[in-house]
Amino acid sequence: QVQLVESGGGLVQPGGSLRLSCAASGNIFSFKAVAWYRRAPGKQRDMVATITRDGSTNYADSVKGRFTISRDIAKNTVYLQMNSLKPEDTAVYYCYAVSIYGDSWYWGQGTQVTVSS
């Protein structure tokens, strides 16, 4: 059973930065894609950023130019570098992975990010 463990959340002031980590129990190269999602209070869970097996990336319009998704295959870890944070970025951030054949998917437990002065 694949496990995804997020870390790196916390409280940060507007304009600040955080880096989230998603450590997988298996080889991340075996996933078709790994993504970060977030759920703000009272809202649905939305995709933030995705990185595919071949390294292609995709971002939600709201975070383009501020967030960067990357990976360290040797460490089986995917990162989300978040810069110029805004109060509206406050949410629980989740790591998500889909198997290479698309028939299995996995969620982490989530990590809270709060942007407030």
PDB file of N, CA and C in Angstrom:
ATOM      1  N   GLN A   1       0.841  -1.185   0.000  1.00  0.00           N
ATOM      2  CA  GLN A   1       0.000   0.000   0.000  1.00  0.00           C
ATOM      3  C   GLN A   1       0.886   1.248   0.000  1.00  0.00           C
ATOM      4  N   VAL A   2       0.650   2.123  -0.960  1.00  0.00           N
ATOM      5  CA  VAL A   2       1.437   3.346  -1.061  1.00  0.00           C
ATOM      6  C   VAL A   2       0.986   4.329   0.009  1.00  0.00           C
ATOM      7  N   GLN A   3       1.943   4.973   0.632  1.00  0.00           N
ATOM      8  CA  GLN A   3       1.640   6.027   1.586  1.00  0.00           C
ATOM      9  C   GLN A   3       2.301   7.321   1.142  1.00  0.00           C
ATOM     10  N   LEU A   4       1.572   8.413   1.296  1.00  0.00           N
ATOM     11  CA  LEU A   4       2.080   9.742   1.006  1.00  0.00           C
ATOM     12  C   LEU A   4       2.037  10.546   2.300  1.00  0.00           C
ATOM     13  N   VAL A   5       3.152  11.142   2.658  1.00  0.00           N
ATOM     14  CA  VAL A   5       3.235  11.895   3.908  1.00  0.00           C
ATOM     15  C   VAL A   5       3.682  13.318   3.601  1.00  0.00           C
ATOM     16  N   GLU A   6       2.785  14.271   3.895  1.00  0.00           N
ATOM     17  CA  GLU A   6       3.113  15.679   3.663  1.00  0.00           C
ATOM     18  C   GLU A   6       3.751  16.286   4.903  1.00  0.00           C
ATOM     19  N   SER A   7       4.559  17.300   4.669  1.00  0.00           N
ATOM     20  CA  SER A   7       5.146  18.062   5.765  1.00  0.00           C
ATOM     21  C   SER A   7       5.492  19.446   5.251  1.00  0.00           C
ATOM     22  N   GLY A   8       5.783  20.361   6.192  1.00  0.00           N
ATOM     23  CA  GLY A   8       6.233  21.689   5.803  1.00  0.00           C
ATOM     24  C   GLY A   8       5.194  22.791   5.950  1.00  0.00           C
ATOM     25  N   GLY A   9       3.981  22.435   6.324  1.00  0.00           N
ATOM     26  CA  GLY A   9       2.964  23.460   6.514  1.00  0.00           C
ATOM     27  C   GLY A   9       3.231  24.286   7.765  1.00  0.00           C
ATOM     28  N   GLY A  10       2.448  25.356   7.909  1.00  0.00           N
ATOM     29  CA  GLY A  10       2.597  26.192   9.088  1.00  0.00           C
ATOM     30  C   GLY A  10       1.957  27.542   8.883  1.00  0.00           C
ATOM     31  N   LEU A  11       2.297  28.455   9.781  1.00  0.00           N
ATOM     32  CA  LEU A  11       1.785  29.828   9.738  1.00  0.00           C
ATOM     33  C   LEU A  11       2.850  30.738   9.142  1.00  0.00           C
ATOM     34  N   VAL A  12       2.454  31.548   8.179  1.00  0.00           N
ATOM     35  CA  VAL A  12       3.391  32.452   7.525  1.00  0.00           C
ATOM     36  C   VAL A  12       2.680  33.763   7.238  1.00  0.00           C
ATOM     37  N   GLN A  13       3.421  34.838   7.242  1.00  0.00           N
ATOM     38  CA  GLN A  13       2.850  36.150   6.958  1.00  0.00           C
ATOM     39  C   GLN A  13       2.653  36.333   5.457  1.00  0.00           C
ATOM     40  N   PRO A  14       1.718  37.185   5.070  1.00  0.00           N
ATOM     41  CA  PRO A  14       1.552  37.477   3.636  1.00  0.00           C
ATOM     42  C   PRO A  14       2.866  37.934   3.023  1.00  0.00           C
ATOM     43  N   GLY A  15       3.129  37.421   1.823  1.00  0.00           N
ATOM     44  CA  GLY A  15       4.390  37.719   1.155  1.00  0.00           C
ATOM     45  C   GLY A  15       5.497  36.736   1.469  1.00  0.00           C
ATOM     46  N   GLY A  16       5.258  35.870   2.445  1.00  0.00           N
ATOM     47  CA  GLY A  16       6.278  34.911   2.843  1.00  0.00           C
ATOM     48  C   GLY A  16       6.305  33.669   1.975  1.00  0.00           C
ATOM     49  N   SER A  17       7.153  32.722   2.365  1.00  0.00           N
ATOM     50  CA  SER A  17       7.347  31.498   1.588  1.00  0.00           C
ATOM     51  C   SER A  17       7.289  30.274   2.487  1.00  0.00           C
ATOM     52  N   LEU A  18       6.886  29.171   1.890  1.00  0.00           N
ATOM     53  CA  LEU A  18       6.927  27.869   2.538  1.00  0.00           C
ATOM     54  C   LEU A  18       7.270  26.831   1.475  1.00  0.00           C
ATOM     55  N   ARG A  19       7.870  25.729   1.916  1.00  0.00           N
ATOM     56  CA  ARG A  19       8.079  24.615   1.012  1.00  0.00           C
ATOM     57  C   ARG A  19       7.438  23.373   1.616  1.00  0.00           C
ATOM     58  N   LEU A  20       6.506  22.811   0.884  1.00  0.00           N
ATOM     59  CA  LEU A  20       5.855  21.580   1.305  1.00  0.00           C
ATOM     60  C   LEU A  20       6.579  20.387   0.690  1.00  0.00           C
ATOM     61  N   SER A  21       6.591  19.300   1.433  1.00  0.00           N
ATOM     62  CA  SER A  21       7.191  18.054   0.953  1.00  0.00           C
ATOM     63  C   SER A  21       6.155  16.943   0.983  1.00  0.00           C
ATOM     64  N   CYS A  22       6.231  16.069   0.008  1.00  0.00           N
ATOM     65  CA  CYS A  22       5.378  14.883  -0.052  1.00  0.00           C
ATOM     66  C   CYS A  22       6.303  13.688  -0.238  1.00  0.00           C
ATOM     67  N   ALA A  23       6.482  12.917   0.819  1.00  0.00           N
ATOM     68  CA  ALA A  23       7.342  11.750   0.773  1.00  0.00           C
ATOM     69  C   ALA A  23       6.506  10.511   0.505  1.00  0.00           C
ATOM     70  N   ALA A  24       6.867   9.781  -0.554  1.00  0.00           N
ATOM     71  CA  ALA A  24       6.134   8.572  -0.928  1.00  0.00           C
ATOM     72  C   ALA A  24       6.854   7.340  -0.419  1.00  0.00           C
ATOM     73  N   SER A  25       6.067   6.324  -0.053  1.00  0.00           N
ATOM     74  CA  SER A  25       6.664   5.083   0.437  1.00  0.00           C
ATOM     75  C   SER A  25       7.211   4.247  -0.707  1.00  0.00           C
ATOM     76  N   GLY A  26       6.773   4.547  -1.929  1.00  0.00           N
ATOM     77  CA  GLY A  26       7.266   3.827  -3.092  1.00  0.00           C
ATOM     78  C   GLY A  26       8.035   4.742  -4.017  1.00  0.00           C
ATOM     79  N   ASN A  27       8.450   4.186  -5.134  1.00  0.00           N
ATOM     80  CA  ASN A  27       9.209   4.930  -6.136  1.00  0.00           C
ATOM     81  C   ASN A  27       8.275   5.894  -6.866  1.00  0.00           C
ATOM     82  N   ILE A  28       8.509   7.199  -6.740  1.00  0.00           N
ATOM     83  CA  ILE A  28       7.597   8.159  -7.366  1.00  0.00           C
ATOM     84  C   ILE A  28       7.642   8.073  -8.889  1.00  0.00           C
ATOM     85  N   PHE A  29       8.666   7.463  -9.409  1.00  0.00           N
ATOM     86  CA  PHE A  29       8.747   7.327 -10.855  1.00  0.00           C
ATOM     87  C   PHE A  29       7.752   6.301 -11.364  1.00  0.00           C
ATOM     88  N   SER A  30       7.167   5.549 -10.438  1.00  0.00           N
ATOM     89  CA  SER A  30       6.154   4.576 -10.824  1.00  0.00           C
ATOM     90  C   SER A  30       4.763   5.196 -10.944  1.00  0.00           C
ATOM     91  N   PHE A  31       4.635   6.456 -10.574  1.00  0.00           N
ATOM     92  CA  PHE A  31       3.347   7.134 -10.669  1.00  0.00           C
ATOM     93  C   PHE A  31       3.197   7.812 -12.018  1.00  0.00           C
ATOM     94  N   LYS A  32       1.980   7.840 -12.510  1.00  0.00           N
ATOM     95  CA  LYS A  32       1.682   8.559 -13.741  1.00  0.00           C
ATOM     96  C   LYS A  32       1.817  10.064 -13.500  1.00  0.00           C
ATOM     97  N   ALA A  33       1.399  10.494 -12.339  1.00  0.00           N
ATOM     98  CA  ALA A  33       1.488  11.903 -11.970  1.00  0.00           C
ATOM     99  C   ALA A  33       1.375  12.036 -10.463  1.00  0.00           C
ATOM    100  N   VAL A  34       1.960  13.100  -9.956  1.00  0.00           N
ATOM    101  CA  VAL A  34       1.813  13.476  -8.560  1.00  0.00           C
ATOM    102  C   VAL A  34       1.340  14.925  -8.538  1.00  0.00           C
ATOM    103  N   ALA A  35       0.416  15.222  -7.656  1.00  0.00           N
ATOM    104  CA  ALA A  35      -0.151  16.567  -7.631  1.00  0.00           C
ATOM    105  C   ALA A  35      -0.310  17.074  -6.212  1.00  0.00           C
ATOM    106  N   TRP A  36      -0.424  18.365  -6.114  1.00  0.00           N
ATOM    107  CA  TRP A  36      -0.810  19.018  -4.870  1.00  0.00           C
ATOM    108  C   TRP A  36      -2.207  19.586  -5.076  1.00  0.00           C
ATOM    109  N   TYR A  37      -3.068  19.321  -4.098  1.00  0.00           N
ATOM    110  CA  TYR A  37      -4.404  19.886  -4.052  1.00  0.00           C
ATOM    111  C   TYR A  37      -4.520  20.692  -2.769  1.00  0.00           C
ATOM    112  N   ARG A  38      -5.525  21.521  -2.702  1.00  0.00           N
ATOM    113  CA  ARG A  38      -5.785  22.231  -1.461  1.00  0.00           C
ATOM    114  C   ARG A  38      -7.295  22.404  -1.266  1.00  0.00           C
ATOM    115  N   ARG A  39      -7.670  22.463   0.009  1.00  0.00           N
ATOM    116  CA  ARG A  39      -9.055  22.711   0.368  1.00  0.00           C
ATOM    117  C   ARG A  39      -9.094  23.855   1.371  1.00  0.00           C
ATOM    118  N   ALA A  40      -9.657  24.970   0.937  1.00  0.00           N
ATOM    119  CA  ALA A  40      -9.835  26.112   1.817  1.00  0.00           C
ATOM    120  C   ALA A  40     -11.121  25.906   2.619  1.00  0.00           C
ATOM    121  N   PRO A  41     -11.238  26.567   3.749  1.00  0.00           N
ATOM    122  CA  PRO A  41     -12.445  26.410   4.578  1.00  0.00           C
ATOM    123  C   PRO A  41     -13.710  26.691   3.785  1.00  0.00           C
ATOM    124  N   GLY A  42     -14.647  25.760   3.824  1.00  0.00           N
ATOM    125  CA  GLY A  42     -15.925  25.941   3.153  1.00  0.00           C
ATOM    126  C   GLY A  42     -15.898  25.778   1.655  1.00  0.00           C
ATOM    127  N   LYS A  43     -14.763  25.329   1.099  1.00  0.00           N
ATOM    128  CA  LYS A  43     -14.652  25.200  -0.356  1.00  0.00           C
ATOM    129  C   LYS A  43     -14.290  23.771  -0.741  1.00  0.00           C
ATOM    130  N   GLN A  44     -14.392  23.476  -2.017  1.00  0.00           N
ATOM    131  CA  GLN A  44     -14.034  22.154  -2.501  1.00  0.00           C
ATOM    132  C   GLN A  44     -12.523  22.036  -2.632  1.00  0.00           C
ATOM    133  N   ARG A  45     -12.071  20.814  -2.783  1.00  0.00           N
ATOM    134  CA  ARG A  45     -10.649  20.576  -2.961  1.00  0.00           C
ATOM    135  C   ARG A  45     -10.275  20.838  -4.421  1.00  0.00           C
ATOM    136  N   ASP A  46      -9.280  21.696  -4.635  1.00  0.00           N
ATOM    137  CA  ASP A  46      -8.877  22.110  -5.975  1.00  0.00           C
ATOM    138  C   ASP A  46      -7.428  21.735  -6.250  1.00  0.00           C
ATOM    139  N   MET A  47      -7.157  21.452  -7.511  1.00  0.00           N
ATOM    140  CA  MET A  47      -5.787  21.159  -7.928  1.00  0.00           C
ATOM    141  C   MET A  47      -4.954  22.429  -7.874  1.00  0.00           C
ATOM    142  N   VAL A  48      -3.736  22.314  -7.363  1.00  0.00           N
ATOM    143  CA  VAL A  48      -2.805  23.444  -7.283  1.00  0.00           C
ATOM    144  C   VAL A  48      -1.705  23.290  -8.327  1.00  0.00           C
ATOM    145  N   ALA A  49      -1.081  22.122  -8.343  1.00  0.00           N
ATOM    146  CA  ALA A  49       0.036  21.888  -9.263  1.00  0.00           C
ATOM    147  C   ALA A  49       0.194  20.388  -9.485  1.00  0.00           C
ATOM    148  N   THR A  50       0.667  20.045 -10.676  1.00  0.00           N
ATOM    149  CA  THR A  50       0.853  18.646 -11.052  1.00  0.00           C
ATOM    150  C   THR A  50       2.193  18.463 -11.734  1.00  0.00           C
ATOM    151  N   ILE A  51       2.824  17.326 -11.465  1.00  0.00           N
ATOM    152  CA  ILE A  51       4.029  16.955 -12.190  1.00  0.00           C
ATOM    153  C   ILE A  51       3.837  15.527 -12.687  1.00  0.00           C
ATOM    154  N   THR A  52       4.042  15.328 -13.980  1.00  0.00           N
ATOM    155  CA  THR A  52       3.832  14.011 -14.564  1.00  0.00           C
ATOM    156  C   THR A  52       5.130  13.196 -14.545  1.00  0.00           C
ATOM    157  N   ARG A  53       5.001  11.965 -14.930  1.00  0.00           N
ATOM    158  CA  ARG A  53       6.141  11.056 -14.909  1.00  0.00           C
ATOM    159  C   ARG A  53       7.289  11.578 -15.767  1.00  0.00           C
ATOM    160  N   ASP A  54       6.969  12.239 -16.880  1.00  0.00           N
ATOM    161  CA  ASP A  54       8.034  12.751 -17.748  1.00  0.00           C
ATOM    162  C   ASP A  54       8.528  14.124 -17.325  1.00  0.00           C
ATOM    163  N   GLY A  55       8.002  14.632 -16.207  1.00  0.00           N
ATOM    164  CA  GLY A  55       8.492  15.898 -15.671  1.00  0.00           C
ATOM    165  C   GLY A  55       7.702  17.121 -16.080  1.00  0.00           C
ATOM    166  N   SER A  56       6.662  16.950 -16.870  1.00  0.00           N
ATOM    167  CA  SER A  56       5.838  18.089 -17.259  1.00  0.00           C
ATOM    168  C   SER A  56       5.061  18.611 -16.049  1.00  0.00           C
ATOM    169  N   THR A  57       4.888  19.917 -16.005  1.00  0.00           N
ATOM    170  CA  THR A  57       4.201  20.525 -14.877  1.00  0.00           C
ATOM    171  C   THR A  57       2.992  21.334 -15.345  1.00  0.00           C
ATOM    172  N   ASN A  58       2.054  21.488 -14.444  1.00  0.00           N
ATOM    173  CA  ASN A  58       0.849  22.264 -14.722  1.00  0.00           C
ATOM    174  C   ASN A  58       0.420  22.933 -13.426  1.00  0.00           C
ATOM    175  N   TYR A  59      -0.113  24.154 -13.550  1.00  0.00           N
ATOM    176  CA  TYR A  59      -0.472  24.924 -12.364  1.00  0.00           C
ATOM    177  C   TYR A  59      -1.868  25.524 -12.501  1.00  0.00           C
ATOM    178  N   ALA A  60      -2.517  25.690 -11.370  1.00  0.00           N
ATOM    179  CA  ALA A  60      -3.742  26.459 -11.345  1.00  0.00           C
ATOM    180  C   ALA A  60      -3.399  27.913 -11.646  1.00  0.00           C
ATOM    181  N   ASP A  61      -4.304  28.614 -12.312  1.00  0.00           N
ATOM    182  CA  ASP A  61      -4.035  30.010 -12.671  1.00  0.00           C
ATOM    183  C   ASP A  61      -3.726  30.865 -11.448  1.00  0.00           C
ATOM    184  N   SER A  62      -4.355  30.555 -10.339  1.00  0.00           N
ATOM    185  CA  SER A  62      -4.205  31.365  -9.132  1.00  0.00           C
ATOM    186  C   SER A  62      -2.815  31.300  -8.516  1.00  0.00           C
ATOM    187  N   VAL A  63      -2.013  30.298  -8.905  1.00  0.00           N
ATOM    188  CA  VAL A  63      -0.685  30.154  -8.291  1.00  0.00           C
ATOM    189  C   VAL A  63       0.452  30.273  -9.297  1.00  0.00           C
ATOM    190  N   LYS A  64       0.116  30.417 -10.574  1.00  0.00           N
ATOM    191  CA  LYS A  64       1.166  30.523 -11.596  1.00  0.00           C
ATOM    192  C   LYS A  64       2.088  31.692 -11.302  1.00  0.00           C
ATOM    193  N   GLY A  65       3.390  31.434 -11.416  1.00  0.00           N
ATOM    194  CA  GLY A  65       4.382  32.463 -11.151  1.00  0.00           C
ATOM    195  C   GLY A  65       4.760  32.595  -9.688  1.00  0.00           C
ATOM    196  N   ARG A  66       4.018  31.944  -8.799  1.00  0.00           N
ATOM    197  CA  ARG A  66       4.315  32.006  -7.359  1.00  0.00           C
ATOM    198  C   ARG A  66       4.705  30.638  -6.792  1.00  0.00           C
ATOM    199  N   PHE A  67       4.100  29.593  -7.284  1.00  0.00           N
ATOM    200  CA  PHE A  67       4.359  28.246  -6.779  1.00  0.00           C
ATOM    201  C   PHE A  67       5.156  27.446  -7.816  1.00  0.00           C
ATOM    202  N   THR A  68       5.988  26.548  -7.317  1.00  0.00           N
ATOM    203  CA  THR A  68       6.752  25.661  -8.187  1.00  0.00           C
ATOM    204  C   THR A  68       6.711  24.241  -7.640  1.00  0.00           C
ATOM    205  N   ILE A  69       6.312  23.303  -8.487  1.00  0.00           N
ATOM    206  CA  ILE A  69       6.328  21.898  -8.108  1.00  0.00           C
ATOM    207  C   ILE A  69       7.595  21.266  -8.671  1.00  0.00           C
ATOM    208  N   SER A  70       8.231  20.413  -7.870  1.00  0.00           N
ATOM    209  CA  SER A  70       9.449  19.744  -8.308  1.00  0.00           C
ATOM    210  C   SER A  70       9.520  18.388  -7.618  1.00  0.00           C
ATOM    211  N   ARG A  71      10.524  17.609  -7.988  1.00  0.00           N
ATOM    212  CA  ARG A  71      10.653  16.289  -7.392  1.00  0.00           C
ATOM    213  C   ARG A  71      12.118  15.915  -7.240  1.00  0.00           C
ATOM    214  N   ASP A  72      12.375  15.032  -6.289  1.00  0.00           N
ATOM    215  CA  ASP A  72      13.683  14.417  -6.101  1.00  0.00           C
ATOM    216  C   ASP A  72      13.423  12.914  -6.177  1.00  0.00           C
ATOM    217  N   ILE A  73      13.707  12.330  -7.320  1.00  0.00           N
ATOM    218  CA  ILE A  73      13.395  10.921  -7.527  1.00  0.00           C
ATOM    219  C   ILE A  73      14.174  10.031  -6.567  1.00  0.00           C
ATOM    220  N   ALA A  74      15.413  10.389  -6.300  1.00  0.00           N
ATOM    221  CA  ALA A  74      16.239   9.584  -5.391  1.00  0.00           C
ATOM    222  C   ALA A  74      15.651   9.540  -3.985  1.00  0.00           C
ATOM    223  N   LYS A  75      14.970  10.625  -3.603  1.00  0.00           N
ATOM    224  CA  LYS A  75      14.370  10.690  -2.262  1.00  0.00           C
ATOM    225  C   LYS A  75      12.883  10.330  -2.279  1.00  0.00           C
ATOM    226  N   ASN A  76      12.347  10.003  -3.465  1.00  0.00           N
ATOM    227  CA  ASN A  76      10.914   9.691  -3.584  1.00  0.00           C
ATOM    228  C   ASN A  76      10.056  10.802  -2.991  1.00  0.00           C
ATOM    229  N   THR A  77      10.419  12.025  -3.281  1.00  0.00           N
ATOM    230  CA  THR A  77       9.756  13.177  -2.673  1.00  0.00           C
ATOM    231  C   THR A  77       9.385  14.206  -3.735  1.00  0.00           C
ATOM    232  N   VAL A  78       8.193  14.746  -3.598  1.00  0.00           N
ATOM    233  CA  VAL A  78       7.729  15.845  -4.438  1.00  0.00           C
ATOM    234  C   VAL A  78       7.570  17.076  -3.560  1.00  0.00           C
ATOM    235  N   TYR A  79       7.966  18.215  -4.085  1.00  0.00           N
ATOM    236  CA  TYR A  79       7.946  19.459  -3.319  1.00  0.00           C
ATOM    237  C   TYR A  79       6.986  20.465  -3.942  1.00  0.00           C
ATOM    238  N   LEU A  80       6.528  21.372  -3.100  1.00  0.00           N
ATOM    239  CA  LEU A  80       5.778  22.523  -3.582  1.00  0.00           C
ATOM    240  C   LEU A  80       6.379  23.760  -2.918  1.00  0.00           C
ATOM    241  N   GLN A  81       7.130  24.513  -3.704  1.00  0.00           N
ATOM    242  CA  GLN A  81       7.694  25.771  -3.220  1.00  0.00           C
ATOM    243  C   GLN A  81       6.659  26.860  -3.421  1.00  0.00           C
ATOM    244  N   MET A  82       6.292  27.509  -2.347  1.00  0.00           N
ATOM    245  CA  MET A  82       5.251  28.526  -2.391  1.00  0.00           C
ATOM    246  C   MET A  82       5.844  29.871  -1.985  1.00  0.00           C
ATOM    247  N   ASN A  83       5.841  30.810  -2.907  1.00  0.00           N
ATOM    248  CA  ASN A  83       6.370  32.148  -2.656  1.00  0.00           C
ATOM    249  C   ASN A  83       5.256  33.180  -2.772  1.00  0.00           C
ATOM    250  N   SER A  84       5.524  34.355  -2.262  1.00  0.00           N
ATOM    251  CA  SER A  84       4.550  35.456  -2.333  1.00  0.00           C
ATOM    252  C   SER A  84       3.170  35.004  -1.860  1.00  0.00           C
ATOM    253  N   LEU A  85       3.150  34.356  -0.725  1.00  0.00           N
ATOM    254  CA  LEU A  85       1.899  33.789  -0.232  1.00  0.00           C
ATOM    255  C   LEU A  85       0.888  34.860   0.125  1.00  0.00           C
ATOM    256  N   LYS A  86      -0.374  34.529  -0.124  1.00  0.00           N
ATOM    257  CA  LYS A  86      -1.482  35.447   0.124  1.00  0.00           C
ATOM    258  C   LYS A  86      -2.449  34.798   1.126  1.00  0.00           C
ATOM    259  N   PRO A  87      -3.241  35.596   1.817  1.00  0.00           N
ATOM    260  CA  PRO A  87      -4.218  35.013   2.746  1.00  0.00           C
ATOM    261  C   PRO A  87      -5.142  34.001   2.068  1.00  0.00           C
ATOM    262  N   GLU A  88      -5.448  34.203   0.806  1.00  0.00           N
ATOM    263  CA  GLU A  88      -6.330  33.274   0.099  1.00  0.00           C
ATOM    264  C   GLU A  88      -5.662  31.942  -0.218  1.00  0.00           C
ATOM    265  N   ASP A  89      -4.374  31.817   0.056  1.00  0.00           N
ATOM    266  CA  ASP A  89      -3.696  30.532  -0.086  1.00  0.00           C
ATOM    267  C   ASP A  89      -3.898  29.652   1.149  1.00  0.00           C
ATOM    268  N   THR A  90      -4.505  30.210   2.179  1.00  0.00           N
ATOM    269  CA  THR A  90      -4.766  29.439   3.386  1.00  0.00           C
ATOM    270  C   THR A  90      -5.661  28.251   3.076  1.00  0.00           C
ATOM    271  N   ALA A  91      -5.188  27.054   3.435  1.00  0.00           N
ATOM    272  CA  ALA A  91      -5.913  25.832   3.122  1.00  0.00           C
ATOM    273  C   ALA A  91      -5.165  24.642   3.708  1.00  0.00           C
ATOM    274  N   VAL A  92      -5.820  23.503   3.669  1.00  0.00           N
ATOM    275  CA  VAL A  92      -5.126  22.250   3.913  1.00  0.00           C
ATOM    276  C   VAL A  92      -4.627  21.759   2.556  1.00  0.00           C
ATOM    277  N   TYR A  93      -3.335  21.474   2.483  1.00  0.00           N
ATOM    278  CA  TYR A  93      -2.721  21.045   1.238  1.00  0.00           C
ATOM    279  C   TYR A  93      -2.510  19.531   1.274  1.00  0.00           C
ATOM    280  N   TYR A  94      -2.925  18.891   0.203  1.00  0.00           N
ATOM    281  CA  TYR A  94      -2.866  17.438   0.107  1.00  0.00           C
ATOM    282  C   TYR A  94      -1.991  17.022  -1.062  1.00  0.00           C
ATOM    283  N   CYS A  95      -1.263  15.943  -0.852  1.00  0.00           N
ATOM    284  CA  CYS A  95      -0.510  15.312  -1.916  1.00  0.00           C
ATOM    285  C   CYS A  95      -1.364  14.194  -2.504  1.00  0.00           C
ATOM    286  N   TYR A  96      -1.294  14.050  -3.811  1.00  0.00           N
ATOM    287  CA  TYR A  96      -2.111  13.065  -4.523  1.00  0.00           C
ATOM    288  C   TYR A  96      -1.248  12.405  -5.587  1.00  0.00           C
ATOM    289  N   ALA A  97      -1.384  11.091  -5.718  1.00  0.00           N
ATOM    290  CA  ALA A  97      -0.637  10.365  -6.745  1.00  0.00           C
ATOM    291  C   ALA A  97      -1.549   9.352  -7.431  1.00  0.00           C
ATOM    292  N   VAL A  98      -1.336   9.179  -8.727  1.00  0.00           N
ATOM    293  CA  VAL A  98      -2.096   8.196  -9.484  1.00  0.00           C
ATOM    294  C   VAL A  98      -1.119   7.199 -10.089  1.00  0.00           C
ATOM    295  N   SER A  99      -1.514   5.937 -10.072  1.00  0.00           N
ATOM    296  CA  SER A  99      -0.624   4.893 -10.559  1.00  0.00           C
ATOM    297  C   SER A  99      -0.385   5.041 -12.058  1.00  0.00           C
ATOM    298  N   ILE A 100       0.635   4.388 -12.531  1.00  0.00           N
ATOM    299  CA  ILE A 100       1.044   4.547 -13.923  1.00  0.00           C
ATOM    300  C   ILE A 100      -0.040   4.090 -14.896  1.00  0.00           C
ATOM    301  N   TYR A 101      -0.895   3.154 -14.484  1.00  0.00           N
ATOM    302  CA  TYR A 101      -1.984   2.709 -15.343  1.00  0.00           C
ATOM    303  C   TYR A 101      -3.290   3.441 -15.055  1.00  0.00           C
ATOM    304  N   GLY A 102      -3.255   4.335 -14.083  1.00  0.00           N
ATOM    305  CA  GLY A 102      -4.440   5.120 -13.770  1.00  0.00           C
ATOM    306  C   GLY A 102      -5.525   4.377 -13.043  1.00  0.00           C
ATOM    307  N   ASP A 103      -5.207   3.216 -12.492  1.00  0.00           N
ATOM    308  CA  ASP A 103      -6.245   2.413 -11.862  1.00  0.00           C
ATOM    309  C   ASP A 103      -6.204   2.468 -10.339  1.00  0.00           C
ATOM    310  N   SER A 104      -5.249   3.194  -9.811  1.00  0.00           N
ATOM    311  CA  SER A 104      -5.176   3.369  -8.359  1.00  0.00           C
ATOM    312  C   SER A 104      -4.739   4.791  -8.077  1.00  0.00           C
ATOM    313  N   TRP A 105      -5.240   5.329  -6.978  1.00  0.00           N
ATOM    314  CA  TRP A 105      -4.841   6.680  -6.602  1.00  0.00           C
ATOM    315  C   TRP A 105      -4.727   6.757  -5.099  1.00  0.00           C
ATOM    316  N   TYR A 106      -3.937   7.713  -4.645  1.00  0.00           N
ATOM    317  CA  TYR A 106      -3.575   7.800  -3.243  1.00  0.00           C
ATOM    318  C   TYR A 106      -3.584   9.262  -2.788  1.00  0.00           C
ATOM    319  N   TRP A 107      -3.987   9.444  -1.546  1.00  0.00           N
ATOM    320  CA  TRP A 107      -4.002  10.769  -0.922  1.00  0.00           C
ATOM    321  C   TRP A 107      -3.171  10.753   0.351  1.00  0.00           C
ATOM    322  N   GLY A 108      -2.495  11.874   0.600  1.00  0.00           N
ATOM    323  CA  GLY A 108      -1.846  12.052   1.884  1.00  0.00           C
ATOM    324  C   GLY A 108      -2.854  12.563   2.906  1.00  0.00           C
ATOM    325  N   GLN A 109      -2.391  12.761   4.124  1.00  0.00           N
ATOM    326  CA  GLN A 109      -3.279  13.170   5.202  1.00  0.00           C
ATOM    327  C   GLN A 109      -3.506  14.680   5.237  1.00  0.00           C
ATOM    328  N   GLY A 110      -2.679  15.419   4.524  1.00  0.00           N
ATOM    329  CA  GLY A 110      -2.831  16.862   4.452  1.00  0.00           C
ATOM    330  C   GLY A 110      -1.955  17.603   5.443  1.00  0.00           C
ATOM    331  N   THR A 111      -1.605  18.828   5.083  1.00  0.00           N
ATOM    332  CA  THR A 111      -0.836  19.705   5.966  1.00  0.00           C
ATOM    333  C   THR A 111      -1.429  21.109   5.878  1.00  0.00           C
ATOM    334  N   GLN A 112      -1.593  21.739   7.039  1.00  0.00           N
ATOM    335  CA  GLN A 112      -2.260  23.043   7.097  1.00  0.00           C
ATOM    336  C   GLN A 112      -1.280  24.157   6.753  1.00  0.00           C
ATOM    337  N   VAL A 113      -1.713  25.039   5.873  1.00  0.00           N
ATOM    338  CA  VAL A 113      -0.977  26.257   5.556  1.00  0.00           C
ATOM    339  C   VAL A 113      -1.878  27.434   5.893  1.00  0.00           C
ATOM    340  N   THR A 114      -1.390  28.311   6.751  1.00  0.00           N
ATOM    341  CA  THR A 114      -2.152  29.494   7.140  1.00  0.00           C
ATOM    342  C   THR A 114      -1.333  30.736   6.831  1.00  0.00           C
ATOM    343  N   VAL A 115      -1.913  31.627   6.039  1.00  0.00           N
ATOM    344  CA  VAL A 115      -1.239  32.862   5.668  1.00  0.00           C
ATOM    345  C   VAL A 115      -1.989  34.014   6.338  1.00  0.00           C
ATOM    346  N   SER A 116      -1.341  34.597   7.322  1.00  0.00           N
ATOM    347  CA  SER A 116      -2.006  35.632   8.108  1.00  0.00           C
ATOM    348  C   SER A 116      -0.982  36.516   8.794  1.00  0.00           C
ATOM    349  N   SER A 117      -1.332  37.785   8.954  1.00  0.00           N
ATOM    350  CA  SER A 117      -0.459  38.696   9.686  1.00  0.00           C
ATOM    351  C   SER A 117      -0.853  38.734  11.164  1.00  0.00           C
TER     352      SER A 117
END
